[in-house]
């Protein structure tokens, strides 16, 4: 079982950048595919970005493609979400998630595909 803790959220002006971090502990991090999701008030949790176990395969929601970058450092048990050109509609609580998988190249985009979640970090983008 893996435990996840996000950090790096905050208040930023539109057009600005933030880097979210997710620290994993408790199990072999490199066995997990990772994802970032977000949930705005009154909305369902939505997929943002995903990475395979090595980070060699990544995938993004259309709404963040070209602005956000997911990366991971398996030596440090960390996954990151670099967010550039932020927009007010990016305002949400951001969650990292982990899925134990035997596939080295697969990534996952559905919330139900992940068994482990962090507590979330708030990102607020002002206009």
Foldseek 3Di string as FASTA:
>chain_A
DKAKAKDWADEEAAQAKTKMKIAIDDDQQLQKKKFKWWDDPPGDIFGAKTAFSQRPDMDGDPVQPPFWDWDADSVRRMIMIIGGRDDQVVWTWMKMFIARDPDRGDIDTDPVRTDYIHPTDTHGYHD
